[in-house]
Amino acid sequence: MTDAVAIHLDTSFLIRALLPGTVESRRLEAWLDDRQPVVISAMAWAEFLSGPLDVDTFAVAGRLVGEAAPVTGAHAELAARLFNAAGRRRSSLPDCLVAAAAIEASAPLATADAGFARFADAGLQLA
């Protein structure tokens, strides 16, 4: 799947994917076995790095996701629209940025957070 759209990973998914035996770890392993590209936005990566996090977990996660995809002005504009449309919920702006990055890339978002479903009307696809 070399020209496949990369699956965007949310922080919640990556945390669970690093735990052996979880549904998320099995899904990530299957994607990697199929050479499905995965990416993480800089916002989700920052959330992940906020820890708690040990050096080994950081190294493994870094190898899995590579360089974080930057947050762009287009992401910020879409995130602001999502934030306002979702009722300006306190502390939801990071999720809006993560969703915006996936929407702008026309990519599915892998998440363990059911709250992302609220962005489906804006074009968010869940993996």
Protein backbone atom coordinates (compact mmCIF):
# COMPACT_ATOMS: atom_id res chain seq x y z
CA MET A 1 0.00 0.00 0.00
CA THR A 2 2.68 2.49 -0.93
CA ASP A 3 0.38 5.23 -2.21
CA ALA A 4 -2.26 4.76 0.48
CA VAL A 5 -3.36 7.72 2.59
CA ALA A 6 -1.66 7.58 5.97
CA ILE A 7 -3.84 6.77 8.95
CA HIS A 8 -3.62 9.55 11.53
CA LEU A 9 -3.13 8.38 15.10
CA ASP A 10 -4.72 10.12 18.05
CA THR A 11 -2.94 10.22 21.39
CA SER A 12 -5.44 7.85 23.00
CA PHE A 13 -4.91 5.28 20.26
CA LEU A 14 -1.11 5.46 20.41
CA ILE A 15 -1.08 5.07 24.20
CA ARG A 16 -3.21 1.94 23.99
CA ALA A 17 -1.38 0.62 20.91
CA LEU A 18 1.82 0.48 22.94
CA LEU A 19 0.21 -1.89 25.45
CA PRO A 20 0.61 -5.54 24.39
CA GLY A 21 -2.60 -7.43 23.71
CA THR A 22 -4.91 -4.46 23.27
CA VAL A 23 -7.26 -4.06 20.33
CA GLU A 24 -5.27 -0.97 19.35
CA SER A 25 -1.93 -2.82 19.40
CA ARG A 26 -3.35 -5.56 17.17
CA ARG A 27 -4.79 -2.99 14.73
CA LEU A 28 -1.52 -1.08 14.56
CA GLU A 29 0.45 -4.28 14.03
CA ALA A 30 -1.89 -5.27 11.18
CA TRP A 31 -1.52 -1.87 9.53
CA LEU A 32 2.26 -2.02 9.81
CA ASP A 33 2.31 -5.61 8.48
CA ASP A 34 0.27 -4.38 5.49
CA ARG A 35 2.70 -1.47 5.06
CA GLN A 36 -0.14 0.97 5.72
CA PRO A 37 1.45 4.34 6.48
CA VAL A 38 0.64 5.92 9.84
CA VAL A 39 1.30 9.46 10.98
CA ILE A 40 0.69 11.55 14.05
CA SER A 41 0.01 15.27 14.06
CA ALA A 42 2.29 17.56 16.05
CA MET A 43 -0.65 18.27 18.39
CA ALA A 44 -1.26 14.59 19.17
CA TRP A 45 2.49 14.00 19.48
CA ALA A 46 2.78 16.86 21.99
CA GLU A 47 -0.07 15.38 24.02
CA PHE A 48 1.64 11.98 23.96
CA LEU A 49 5.01 13.44 24.96
CA SER A 50 3.37 15.21 27.91
CA GLY A 51 3.43 11.78 29.55
CA PRO A 52 4.06 10.35 31.90
CA LEU A 53 6.49 8.70 29.52
CA ASP A 54 9.65 6.67 29.96
CA VAL A 55 12.62 6.73 27.57
CA ASP A 56 11.89 3.28 26.12
CA THR A 57 8.26 4.12 25.35
CA PHE A 58 9.36 7.37 23.71
CA ALA A 59 11.86 5.49 21.53
CA VAL A 60 9.35 2.85 20.43
CA ALA A 61 6.66 5.42 19.68
CA GLY A 62 9.11 7.59 17.76
CA ARG A 63 10.11 4.65 15.57
CA LEU A 64 6.46 3.82 14.90
CA VAL A 65 5.27 7.27 13.90
CA GLY A 66 8.41 8.97 12.63
CA GLU A 67 8.41 12.74 12.33
CA ALA A 68 5.19 14.36 13.52
CA ALA A 69 3.15 16.10 10.84
CA PRO A 70 3.21 19.86 11.40
CA VAL A 71 0.16 21.86 12.35
CA THR A 72 -0.57 24.35 9.57
CA GLY A 73 -2.57 27.52 9.28
CA ALA A 74 -5.28 25.58 7.44
CA HIS A 75 -5.44 23.15 10.39
CA ALA A 76 -5.76 26.07 12.81
CA GLU A 77 -8.60 27.63 10.81
CA LEU A 78 -10.51 24.36 10.55
CA ALA A 79 -9.86 23.58 14.23
CA ALA A 80 -11.33 26.96 15.20
CA ARG A 81 -14.45 26.23 13.14
CA LEU A 82 -14.77 22.78 14.74
CA PHE A 83 -14.26 24.27 18.21
CA ASN A 84 -16.99 26.86 17.69
CA ALA A 85 -19.38 24.38 16.04
CA ALA A 86 -18.89 21.89 18.90
CA GLY A 87 -19.94 24.45 21.48
CA ARG A 88 -16.54 25.84 22.52
CA ARG A 89 -16.12 23.04 25.05
CA ARG A 90 -13.37 23.74 27.52
CA SER A 91 -10.10 21.91 26.73
CA SER A 92 -11.44 20.52 23.43
CA LEU A 93 -9.22 22.63 21.18
CA PRO A 94 -6.43 19.99 21.05
CA ASP A 95 -8.95 17.41 19.78
CA CYS A 96 -10.15 19.95 17.22
CA LEU A 97 -6.58 20.35 15.93
CA VAL A 98 -6.06 16.57 15.75
CA ALA A 99 -9.34 16.17 13.87
CA ALA A 100 -8.52 19.08 11.55
CA ALA A 101 -5.18 17.53 10.56
CA ALA A 102 -6.89 14.27 9.61
CA ILE A 103 -9.73 16.01 7.77
CA GLU A 104 -7.34 18.23 5.79
CA ALA A 105 -5.33 15.13 4.78
CA SER A 106 -8.53 13.23 3.81
CA ALA A 107 -7.22 10.57 6.15
CA PRO A 108 -8.93 8.33 8.68
CA LEU A 109 -8.22 8.96 12.35
CA ALA A 110 -7.45 6.03 14.64
CA THR A 111 -8.67 6.91 18.10
CA ALA A 112 -9.85 5.26 21.30
CA ASP A 113 -11.82 8.41 22.15
CA ALA A 114 -15.47 8.15 21.11
CA GLY A 115 -15.74 11.94 21.38
CA PHE A 116 -14.17 12.35 17.94
CA ALA A 117 -17.41 11.09 16.38
CA ARG A 118 -18.78 14.62 16.86
CA PHE A 119 -16.56 15.72 13.95
CA ALA A 120 -18.06 13.28 11.43
CA ASP A 121 -20.34 15.93 9.94
CA ALA A 122 -17.24 18.03 9.24
CA GLY A 123 -15.71 15.17 7.24
CA LEU A 124 -13.73 13.24 9.84
CA GLN A 125 -13.41 9.56 8.98
CA LEU A 126 -12.66 7.18 11.83
CA ALA A 127 -10.31 4.26 11.18
